[in-house]
Amino acid sequence: MSRNLLQDMVRVKNTQRPIKEWPVNNVESFTERIEKKEDKKEIIFNKINQNNKKSKYRFYLVALISVVFLLFALSFLFSGAKITITPKIKEIPINENLSATKDSNTQGLSFDLVVISGEENKTIQGGEEKEVEIPAKGTVIIYNSYGSSSQILDIDTRLEGSNGKIYKTSKKIIVPGMINSKPGSIEVDIYGSSSGEEYNSAPIDFKVFGFKGTSKYSKFYARSKGNITGGFKGKTSVVSSLDKATTVSELKSTLETKLLKKVSDQIPSGFILFKDAIILDIDDKNINFIPGKDNMITVNVKGTLYGFLFDEKKLTKKIGEDIIDKYDGGDIYIPNIRDLAFSFSDKEDISSADIKSISFTLSGAPRIIWKVDEAKFVTDVLNKKKKYFNQILLQYPNIDSAELVIRPFWKSSFPEKSKSIEVIVNYPK
C-alpha cells in the first residue's frame, strides 16, 4: 500500500547555536585595546629611532673630537717655521786704479803668477834667394846644486855644450838656490854663439863657461829641453817684410789663444784670471825662419805667457772697501766679477824676468750681493715671539726683505729647536 509522502517527512530540529550578541560597550573596549597596542608600538618605535639618532650624534661627536685631536697632534708633530730671505743687492759702477804685489801673505791685494810656454809653426812660400846666417836655437833648464842662495846669470851668459859648441842665454835670469837638498832650477832660451847647421843638436848637457876653474863649475849645470834647431848659413829663399809681419802676427795671436786656454784650464778654485790680465813674452830671438825644400820656409814662434791670478774673496773685499759707502766689512760676493774690464797701467814697464808688483784698472758695473749668516739668523729667532720678527730683521742690514710662515698657523712664537726652522736665501743665479 502506498505510503503517504507526508508521513515520510520528519521534522528536523535546528541544532545551530544562536549567535551571541556582544554588548556595544564590549566591542568598543576591544577596539580601543587594539589601538592602544598600536600606539604602544609606535611609541616604542619612536623611542628606538630617537635612541638611534642620539647614538649617531654621539658617534659623530666622538669622531669629530678625535679628528680635531689628531689634527692638533699632527700640527705639533709637523710644526716649524720657514723664512724666505731676499738679500741686499746693489749695482755700483767702478773705475778704480789698483795695485797688487806678488805675495799671498800680504795684508793688501796680492796676485799669483802662472807661467806657461809654447810655440807655433807655419810654412810659407819663400821669395828671392839671399845669403843668410841663422843661429840655432833651443831651450835649456839650468840647475843650482851649489847652495841655498840664488845665482844671477846675465843675458848672453855662455854655456858650453857637451858637443863642444858655445851657446848663449837669451835673457837675464835668477837661478833659485837649493831647497831641502833639491837643486833649484829655471828654464831659459839659448842660441848658438855662431850661425850654422853645426850648432843644431839633439838634447845635450851644458856647463856655465864663466864658472870654469871655480867650485861652482861642477855645481851649476844645464840640460837642453828638446832639440836645438834652426841653425843655417848659406843661400836660401827669404820672406818679404810684409809676409813676415803678417805671419808672425797670426802665429802670436794663435799662440796666445792656445796658452790662455791652457792656463784657464789650470786655474784653481777661488781664483780669477781676467782676459787681459796676461803678458805674452815673445822677442825677436824667439822668432825663427827655417829654410826648407822647394823655397818653402817654416816660421816658428816661441813664447811664454804670464797670467796674473787674483784671490776672488780678497779682490771682492777690496772692491767693496773702495766703492761701497760706509762699508762695514760684511761678507759680500760679486757674481759678475769676471766680466769687469782689466787693463794694465804700465804694461810696457813690466819685466817678465822679475815681476814683483803691478798696477791696473778695473772698470764696469759689479753687482754686489750681501751674504746672510743663516746659522746666526736661526739662533737669533729661536723661541722668539712672532711679533718681534721685524725688529730682528732690523739688525740685519744685509737683508732686503723676508717672508715668514709658521706652522701651525695659530702659533705665536718660533720653534725652540733650530732643526725646525728652515731658512732659504734667494741668491741670484
Protein backbone atom coordinates (compact mmCIF):
# COMPACT_ATOMS: atom_id res chain seq x y z
CA MET A 1 0.00 0.00 0.00
CA SER A 2 1.40 3.20 -0.91
CA ARG A 3 2.61 5.35 1.81
CA ASN A 4 1.66 8.89 2.25
CA LEU A 5 4.54 11.08 1.37
CA LEU A 6 3.72 13.41 4.12
CA GLN A 7 4.13 10.64 6.55
CA ASP A 8 7.71 10.17 5.50
CA MET A 9 8.61 13.71 6.13
CA VAL A 10 10.22 14.15 9.52
CA ARG A 11 10.72 17.47 11.10
CA VAL A 12 14.36 18.06 11.78
CA LYS A 13 15.27 20.07 14.81
CA ASN A 14 17.51 23.12 14.17
CA THR A 15 20.74 22.44 16.10
CA GLN A 16 22.62 25.69 15.09
CA ARG A 17 23.65 27.77 18.08
CA PRO A 18 22.23 31.18 18.21
CA ILE A 19 24.74 34.00 17.61
CA LYS A 20 25.72 35.56 20.79
CA GLU A 21 25.42 39.26 20.69
CA TRP A 22 28.14 41.25 22.48
CA PRO A 23 27.29 44.33 24.20
CA VAL A 24 28.29 47.50 22.36
CA ASN A 25 30.48 48.59 25.21
CA ASN A 26 32.49 45.40 24.98
CA VAL A 27 33.14 45.92 21.22
CA GLU A 28 34.40 49.42 21.74
CA SER A 29 36.66 48.28 24.54
CA PHE A 30 38.28 45.72 22.26
CA THR A 31 38.88 48.30 19.54
CA GLU A 32 40.47 50.64 21.99
CA ARG A 33 42.77 47.90 23.20
CA ILE A 34 43.94 47.26 19.66
CA GLU A 35 44.53 50.95 19.08
CA LYS A 36 46.42 51.22 22.35
CA LYS A 37 48.62 48.35 21.33
CA GLU A 38 49.33 50.08 18.04
CA ASP A 39 50.09 53.32 19.89
CA LYS A 40 52.48 51.50 22.18
CA LYS A 41 54.26 50.00 19.20
CA GLU A 42 54.58 53.43 17.62
CA ILE A 43 55.88 54.93 20.87
CA ILE A 44 58.41 52.14 21.24
CA PHE A 45 59.45 52.58 17.58
CA ASN A 46 59.83 56.33 18.05
CA LYS A 47 61.89 55.79 21.17
CA ILE A 48 64.10 53.37 19.30
CA ASN A 49 64.51 55.92 16.48
CA GLN A 50 65.30 58.64 18.96
CA ASN A 51 67.84 56.42 20.68
CA ASN A 52 69.40 55.56 17.32
CA LYS A 53 69.63 59.24 16.40
CA LYS A 54 71.23 60.06 19.73
CA SER A 55 73.73 57.24 19.23
CA LYS A 56 74.59 58.57 15.78
CA TYR A 57 75.03 62.07 17.13
CA ARG A 58 77.28 60.77 19.89
CA PHE A 59 79.31 58.79 17.34
CA TYR A 60 79.72 61.80 15.07
CA LEU A 61 80.67 63.97 18.02
CA VAL A 62 83.29 61.48 19.21
CA ALA A 63 84.63 61.12 15.65
CA LEU A 64 84.83 64.90 15.24
CA ILE A 65 86.64 65.31 18.54
CA SER A 66 89.05 62.52 17.55
CA VAL A 67 89.78 64.16 14.19
CA VAL A 68 90.33 67.54 15.82
CA PHE A 69 92.63 65.97 18.39
CA LEU A 70 94.53 64.10 15.65
CA LEU A 71 94.95 67.27 13.60
CA PHE A 72 96.05 69.13 16.69
CA ALA A 73 98.61 66.42 17.50
CA LEU A 74 99.85 66.31 13.89
CA SER A 75 100.17 70.09 13.81
CA PHE A 76 102.60 69.91 16.71
CA LEU A 77 104.38 66.96 15.17
CA PHE A 78 104.96 68.90 11.92
CA SER A 79 105.28 72.32 13.47
CA GLY A 80 108.07 74.62 12.32
CA ALA A 81 108.97 77.88 10.63
CA LYS A 82 110.05 78.72 7.10
CA ILE A 83 111.83 82.01 6.39
CA THR A 84 112.49 83.10 2.80
CA ILE A 85 115.10 85.87 2.61
CA THR A 86 115.94 88.27 -0.21
CA PRO A 87 119.50 89.57 0.36
CA LYS A 88 120.59 93.15 -0.22
CA ILE A 89 121.76 93.73 -3.81
CA LYS A 90 123.43 96.81 -5.32
CA GLU A 91 124.92 97.55 -8.72
CA ILE A 92 127.66 100.18 -8.35
CA PRO A 93 129.79 101.47 -11.27
CA ILE A 94 133.54 101.11 -10.80
CA ASN A 95 136.60 102.66 -12.43
CA GLU A 96 139.34 102.09 -9.87
CA ASN A 97 143.12 102.21 -10.08
CA LEU A 98 144.50 99.34 -8.02
CA SER A 99 147.87 97.79 -7.25
CA ALA A 100 148.91 94.32 -6.17
CA THR A 101 152.09 92.59 -5.06
CA LYS A 102 153.36 89.09 -5.68
CA ASP A 103 152.95 87.91 -2.11
CA SER A 104 149.90 85.95 -0.99
CA ASN A 105 150.76 86.58 2.68
CA THR A 106 150.50 90.35 2.46
CA GLN A 107 147.58 92.22 4.04
CA GLY A 108 146.84 94.17 0.86
CA LEU A 109 145.80 92.93 -2.55
CA SER A 110 148.13 90.29 -3.98
CA PHE A 111 148.44 88.15 -7.08
CA ASP A 112 149.83 84.75 -8.00
CA LEU A 113 151.75 84.26 -11.22
CA VAL A 114 151.20 81.33 -13.56
CA VAL A 115 153.74 80.80 -16.35
CA ILE A 116 153.35 78.57 -19.39
CA SER A 117 155.37 78.33 -22.61
CA GLY A 118 154.60 77.08 -26.10
CA GLU A 119 155.29 77.51 -29.80
CA GLU A 120 153.50 77.73 -33.14
CA ASN A 121 154.70 76.95 -36.67
CA LYS A 122 153.57 77.83 -40.16
CA THR A 123 155.15 77.02 -43.54
CA ILE A 124 155.02 79.74 -46.21
CA GLN A 125 156.39 80.27 -49.69
CA GLY A 126 159.78 81.99 -49.80
CA GLY A 127 160.83 84.73 -52.19
CA GLU A 128 164.15 85.57 -53.76
CA GLU A 129 167.33 83.81 -52.63
CA LYS A 130 169.90 85.55 -50.44
CA GLU A 131 172.88 84.72 -48.28
CA VAL A 132 171.65 84.35 -44.71
CA GLU A 133 173.13 83.43 -41.33
CA ILE A 134 170.75 81.98 -38.74
CA PRO A 135 171.86 80.77 -35.28
CA ALA A 136 170.49 77.53 -33.88
CA LYS A 137 168.04 77.96 -31.01
CA GLY A 138 166.71 75.86 -28.18
CA THR A 139 165.66 75.80 -24.54
CA VAL A 140 167.61 74.58 -21.51
CA ILE A 141 166.97 74.05 -17.81
CA ILE A 142 169.76 75.39 -15.59
CA TYR A 143 170.24 73.78 -12.16
CA ASN A 144 171.85 75.14 -8.98
CA SER A 145 173.19 72.48 -6.61
CA TYR A 146 175.81 74.81 -5.15
CA GLY A 147 173.84 76.08 -2.16
CA SER A 148 170.64 77.67 -0.89
CA SER A 149 171.49 81.12 -2.30
CA SER A 150 170.17 82.14 -5.71
CA GLN A 151 172.53 82.98 -8.57
CA ILE A 152 172.12 85.77 -11.14
CA LEU A 153 173.12 84.97 -14.72
CA ASP A 154 173.23 87.92 -17.10
CA ILE A 155 171.90 87.95 -20.65
CA ASP A 156 174.27 86.21 -23.10
CA THR A 157 175.79 84.05 -20.36
CA ARG A 158 177.89 81.44 -22.19
CA LEU A 159 177.01 77.77 -21.83
CA GLU A 160 179.46 75.14 -23.00
CA GLY A 161 177.68 72.18 -24.60
CA SER A 162 178.81 68.58 -24.39
CA ASN A 163 179.14 68.78 -28.20
CA GLY A 164 181.94 71.33 -27.76
CA LYS A 165 179.87 74.30 -29.01
CA ILE A 166 179.21 77.52 -27.12
CA TYR A 167 175.64 78.77 -26.70
CA LYS A 168 174.32 81.92 -25.03
CA THR A 169 171.29 82.68 -22.85
CA SER A 170 168.68 84.94 -24.42
CA LYS A 171 167.91 86.95 -21.24
CA LYS A 172 168.97 87.68 -17.69
CA ILE A 173 167.81 85.07 -15.18
CA ILE A 174 167.99 84.25 -11.46
CA VAL A 175 168.67 80.58 -10.71
CA PRO A 176 166.96 79.65 -7.39
CA GLY A 177 169.01 78.06 -4.60
CA MET A 178 168.63 74.56 -3.23
CA ILE A 179 165.64 73.63 -1.07
CA ASN A 180 165.97 70.60 1.22
CA SER A 181 168.89 69.21 -0.81
CA LYS A 182 166.88 69.62 -4.03
CA PRO A 183 168.66 71.75 -6.68
CA GLY A 184 166.98 74.99 -7.72
CA SER A 185 166.17 75.29 -11.43
CA ILE A 186 164.97 77.70 -14.08
CA GLU A 187 164.16 77.48 -17.77
CA VAL A 188 165.75 79.80 -20.36
CA ASP A 189 166.13 80.01 -24.14
CA ILE A 190 169.57 79.77 -25.76
CA TYR A 191 171.07 80.36 -29.20
CA GLY A 192 174.30 79.36 -30.91
CA SER A 193 177.20 81.77 -30.47
CA SER A 194 177.72 81.45 -34.22
CA SER A 195 175.35 80.67 -37.08
CA GLY A 196 175.36 77.42 -38.98
CA GLU A 197 173.86 73.98 -39.04
CA GLU A 198 176.69 72.55 -36.92
CA TYR A 199 175.03 74.10 -33.86
CA ASN A 200 171.86 72.09 -34.43
CA SER A 201 171.79 69.23 -31.96
CA ALA A 202 169.83 66.56 -30.16
CA PRO A 203 169.43 67.11 -26.37
CA ILE A 204 172.83 67.69 -24.69
CA ASP A 205 174.32 68.79 -21.33
CA PHE A 206 175.94 72.14 -20.53
CA LYS A 207 178.30 73.82 -18.07
CA VAL A 208 178.45 77.53 -17.26
CA PHE A 209 181.60 78.56 -19.11
CA GLY A 210 182.27 81.55 -16.83
CA PHE A 211 182.49 79.31 -13.73
CA LYS A 212 185.36 77.24 -15.15
CA GLY A 213 188.15 76.98 -12.60
CA THR A 214 185.84 77.66 -9.63
CA SER A 215 183.89 75.45 -7.21
CA LYS A 216 180.66 76.49 -8.96
CA TYR A 217 181.67 74.89 -12.25
CA SER A 218 180.57 71.40 -11.21
CA LYS A 219 177.57 72.61 -9.20
CA PHE A 220 175.85 74.66 -11.91
CA TYR A 221 174.80 72.64 -14.95
CA ALA A 222 172.13 72.60 -17.65
CA ARG A 223 170.28 70.17 -19.89
CA SER A 224 168.54 71.04 -23.13
CA LYS A 225 164.79 70.66 -23.24
CA GLY A 226 164.27 69.11 -26.65
CA ASN A 227 166.36 69.58 -29.78
CA ILE A 228 168.39 72.64 -30.73
CA THR A 229 167.35 73.58 -34.27
CA GLY A 230 167.21 76.29 -36.93
CA GLY A 231 170.92 76.91 -37.43
CA PHE A 232 171.73 77.78 -41.04
CA LYS A 233 174.39 79.56 -43.06
CA GLY A 234 174.22 79.94 -46.83
CA LYS A 235 171.94 80.95 -49.68
CA THR A 236 168.22 80.42 -49.25
CA SER A 237 164.85 81.96 -50.02
CA VAL A 238 163.85 84.86 -47.84
CA VAL A 239 160.46 86.13 -46.76
CA SER A 240 159.31 89.64 -47.58
CA SER A 241 158.85 92.09 -44.71
CA LEU A 242 155.08 92.15 -45.25
CA ASP A 243 154.79 88.35 -45.24
CA LYS A 244 156.98 88.22 -42.14
CA ALA A 245 154.86 90.70 -40.22
CA THR A 246 151.57 89.09 -41.27
CA THR A 247 152.67 85.54 -40.47
CA VAL A 248 154.30 86.43 -37.15
CA SER A 249 151.22 88.40 -36.04
CA GLU A 250 148.99 85.46 -36.91
CA LEU A 251 151.19 82.99 -35.03
CA LYS A 252 151.38 85.26 -31.97
CA SER A 253 147.60 85.51 -31.83
CA THR A 254 147.20 81.74 -32.22
CA LEU A 255 149.84 81.04 -29.58
CA GLU A 256 148.28 83.48 -27.11
CA THR A 257 144.84 81.91 -27.54
CA LYS A 258 146.24 78.41 -27.07
CA LEU A 259 148.31 79.28 -23.99
CA LEU A 260 145.46 81.28 -22.44
CA LYS A 261 143.18 78.24 -22.75
CA LYS A 262 145.81 76.02 -21.12
CA VAL A 263 146.20 78.47 -18.25
CA SER A 264 142.43 78.87 -17.83
CA ASP A 265 142.04 75.10 -17.53
CA GLN A 266 144.55 75.08 -14.65
CA ILE A 267 143.13 77.94 -12.57
CA PRO A 268 142.48 76.69 -9.01
CA SER A 269 139.06 77.17 -7.46
CA GLY A 270 138.56 80.58 -5.85
CA PHE A 271 140.92 82.44 -8.20
CA ILE A 272 140.26 84.78 -11.12
CA LEU A 273 142.21 85.30 -14.34
CA PHE A 274 140.87 88.29 -16.25
CA LYS A 275 141.01 88.00 -20.03
CA ASP A 276 143.52 90.85 -20.34
CA ALA A 277 145.49 90.07 -17.16
CA ILE A 278 148.17 88.31 -19.20
CA ILE A 279 151.50 89.13 -20.81
CA LEU A 280 152.78 87.15 -23.79
CA ASP A 281 156.56 87.41 -23.91
CA ILE A 282 157.87 86.92 -27.46
CA ASP A 283 161.05 88.71 -28.51
CA ASP A 284 162.84 88.64 -31.86
CA LYS A 285 165.15 85.87 -30.68
CA ASN A 286 162.10 83.61 -30.35
CA ILE A 287 161.01 84.10 -33.96
CA ASN A 288 162.76 81.76 -36.39
CA PHE A 289 162.60 81.40 -40.16
CA ILE A 290 163.83 77.93 -41.06
CA PRO A 291 164.63 77.26 -44.75
CA GLY A 292 163.16 74.13 -46.29
CA LYS A 293 162.86 72.44 -49.64
CA ASP A 294 161.35 73.98 -52.76
CA ASN A 295 161.77 77.54 -51.43
CA MET A 296 159.41 76.81 -48.53
CA ILE A 297 160.18 78.46 -45.19
CA THR A 298 158.90 77.39 -41.78
CA VAL A 299 158.12 80.28 -39.46
CA ASN A 300 158.49 79.29 -35.80
CA VAL A 301 157.31 81.49 -32.93
CA LYS A 302 158.07 80.61 -29.31
CA GLY A 303 156.57 82.48 -26.40
CA THR A 304 155.86 82.47 -22.69
CA LEU A 305 152.54 83.58 -21.24
CA TYR A 306 152.39 85.12 -17.77
CA GLY A 307 148.95 85.05 -16.17
CA PHE A 308 148.07 87.14 -13.11
CA LEU A 309 145.70 85.32 -10.76
CA PHE A 310 143.71 87.09 -8.05
CA ASP A 311 142.09 85.59 -4.97
CA GLU A 312 138.38 86.20 -5.59
CA LYS A 313 137.49 86.84 -1.92
CA LYS A 314 140.34 89.32 -1.38
CA LEU A 315 139.59 91.18 -4.61
CA THR A 316 135.86 91.31 -3.79
CA LYS A 317 136.60 92.75 -0.36
CA LYS A 318 138.95 95.35 -1.88
CA ILE A 319 136.27 96.41 -4.37
CA GLY A 320 133.74 96.65 -1.53
CA GLU A 321 136.06 98.85 0.53
CA ASP A 322 136.66 101.18 -2.41
CA ILE A 323 133.15 101.68 -3.81
CA ILE A 324 130.59 100.87 -1.06
CA ASP A 325 129.66 103.86 1.06
CA LYS A 326 130.19 103.12 4.78
CA TYR A 327 131.17 99.54 4.07
CA ASP A 328 131.20 97.59 7.35
CA GLY A 329 133.29 94.69 6.11
CA GLY A 330 130.27 92.40 5.74
CA ASP A 331 130.53 89.25 3.66
CA ILE A 332 129.73 90.03 0.01
CA TYR A 333 130.23 88.47 -3.39
CA ILE A 334 130.13 89.72 -6.98
CA PRO A 335 128.68 87.12 -9.40
CA ASN A 336 129.76 89.12 -12.48
CA ILE A 337 133.25 89.98 -11.21
CA ARG A 338 134.86 88.15 -14.16
CA ASP A 339 133.03 90.48 -16.56
CA LEU A 340 134.89 93.55 -15.26
CA ALA A 341 137.37 95.12 -17.68
CA PHE A 342 141.03 94.72 -16.65
CA SER A 343 143.86 96.83 -18.06
CA PHE A 344 147.49 97.24 -17.00
CA SER A 345 148.54 100.76 -16.10
CA ASP A 346 152.17 100.18 -17.13
CA LYS A 347 152.28 97.01 -19.22
CA GLU A 348 155.37 98.11 -21.18
CA ASP A 349 157.32 98.62 -17.95
CA ILE A 350 156.61 95.17 -16.56
CA SER A 351 159.67 92.92 -16.66
CA SER A 352 158.65 89.30 -17.08
CA ALA A 353 162.01 88.21 -15.64
CA ASP A 354 161.26 89.60 -12.19
CA ILE A 355 157.63 90.59 -11.64
CA LYS A 356 157.04 91.76 -8.07
CA SER A 357 154.16 94.25 -8.35
CA ILE A 358 151.66 95.55 -10.87
CA SER A 359 149.27 98.48 -11.25
CA PHE A 360 145.99 98.08 -13.09
CA THR A 361 142.50 99.46 -13.60
CA LEU A 362 139.18 97.69 -13.08
CA SER A 363 136.05 99.14 -14.67
CA GLY A 364 132.47 98.08 -15.18
CA ALA A 365 129.29 97.66 -13.14
CA PRO A 366 129.79 94.98 -10.48
CA ARG A 367 126.61 93.54 -8.97
CA ILE A 368 127.29 93.35 -5.25
CA ILE A 369 125.29 90.84 -3.19
CA TRP A 370 125.44 90.67 0.60
CA LYS A 371 125.66 87.19 2.11
CA VAL A 372 123.48 86.15 5.06
CA ASP A 373 124.78 84.14 8.01
CA GLU A 374 121.94 81.62 8.10
CA ALA A 375 123.11 79.84 11.26
CA LYS A 376 123.32 83.11 13.21
CA PHE A 377 119.92 84.21 11.92
CA VAL A 378 118.31 80.95 13.11
CA THR A 379 119.92 81.39 16.53
CA ASP A 380 118.54 84.93 16.79
CA VAL A 381 114.92 83.87 16.14
CA LEU A 382 114.85 80.68 18.23
CA ASN A 383 111.89 80.66 20.66
CA LYS A 384 111.22 84.36 19.96
CA LYS A 385 107.72 85.78 19.67
CA LYS A 386 106.47 86.14 16.13
CA LYS A 387 105.70 89.81 16.73
CA TYR A 388 109.42 90.54 17.24
CA PHE A 389 110.40 89.24 13.78
CA ASN A 390 110.57 92.69 12.15
CA GLN A 391 112.73 94.00 15.00
CA ILE A 392 115.16 91.12 14.45
CA LEU A 393 115.30 91.93 10.72
CA LEU A 394 116.40 95.48 11.53
CA GLN A 395 119.60 94.00 12.99
CA TYR A 396 120.50 92.64 9.54
CA PRO A 397 121.25 95.48 7.08
CA ASN A 398 122.35 92.83 4.57
CA ILE A 399 118.73 91.61 4.25
CA ASP A 400 116.42 93.45 1.88
CA SER A 401 113.21 91.60 2.81
CA ALA A 402 111.96 88.34 4.32
CA GLU A 403 108.77 86.26 4.34
CA LEU A 404 107.77 84.20 7.38
CA VAL A 405 105.50 81.15 7.59
CA ILE A 406 104.95 79.44 10.97
CA ARG A 407 103.19 76.07 11.32
CA PRO A 408 100.63 75.60 12.77
CA PHE A 409 99.22 78.98 11.84
CA TRP A 410 97.92 79.75 15.32
CA LYS A 411 101.38 79.53 16.93
CA SER A 412 102.65 82.91 18.04
CA SER A 413 106.33 82.05 18.55
CA PHE A 414 109.24 80.40 16.75
CA PRO A 415 110.20 76.77 17.46
CA GLU A 416 112.61 76.01 20.27
CA LYS A 417 114.85 73.80 18.10
CA SER A 418 116.93 75.09 15.20
CA LYS A 419 116.19 71.99 13.11
CA SER A 420 112.54 73.08 12.99
CA ILE A 421 113.45 76.39 11.31
CA GLU A 422 114.15 76.42 7.57
CA VAL A 423 115.94 79.42 6.08
CA ILE A 424 116.05 79.93 2.31
CA VAL A 425 118.17 82.77 0.92
CA ASN A 426 117.26 83.67 -2.67
CA TYR A 427 120.72 84.45 -4.03
CA PRO A 428 120.61 85.50 -7.70
CA LYS A 429 121.91 82.99 -10.19
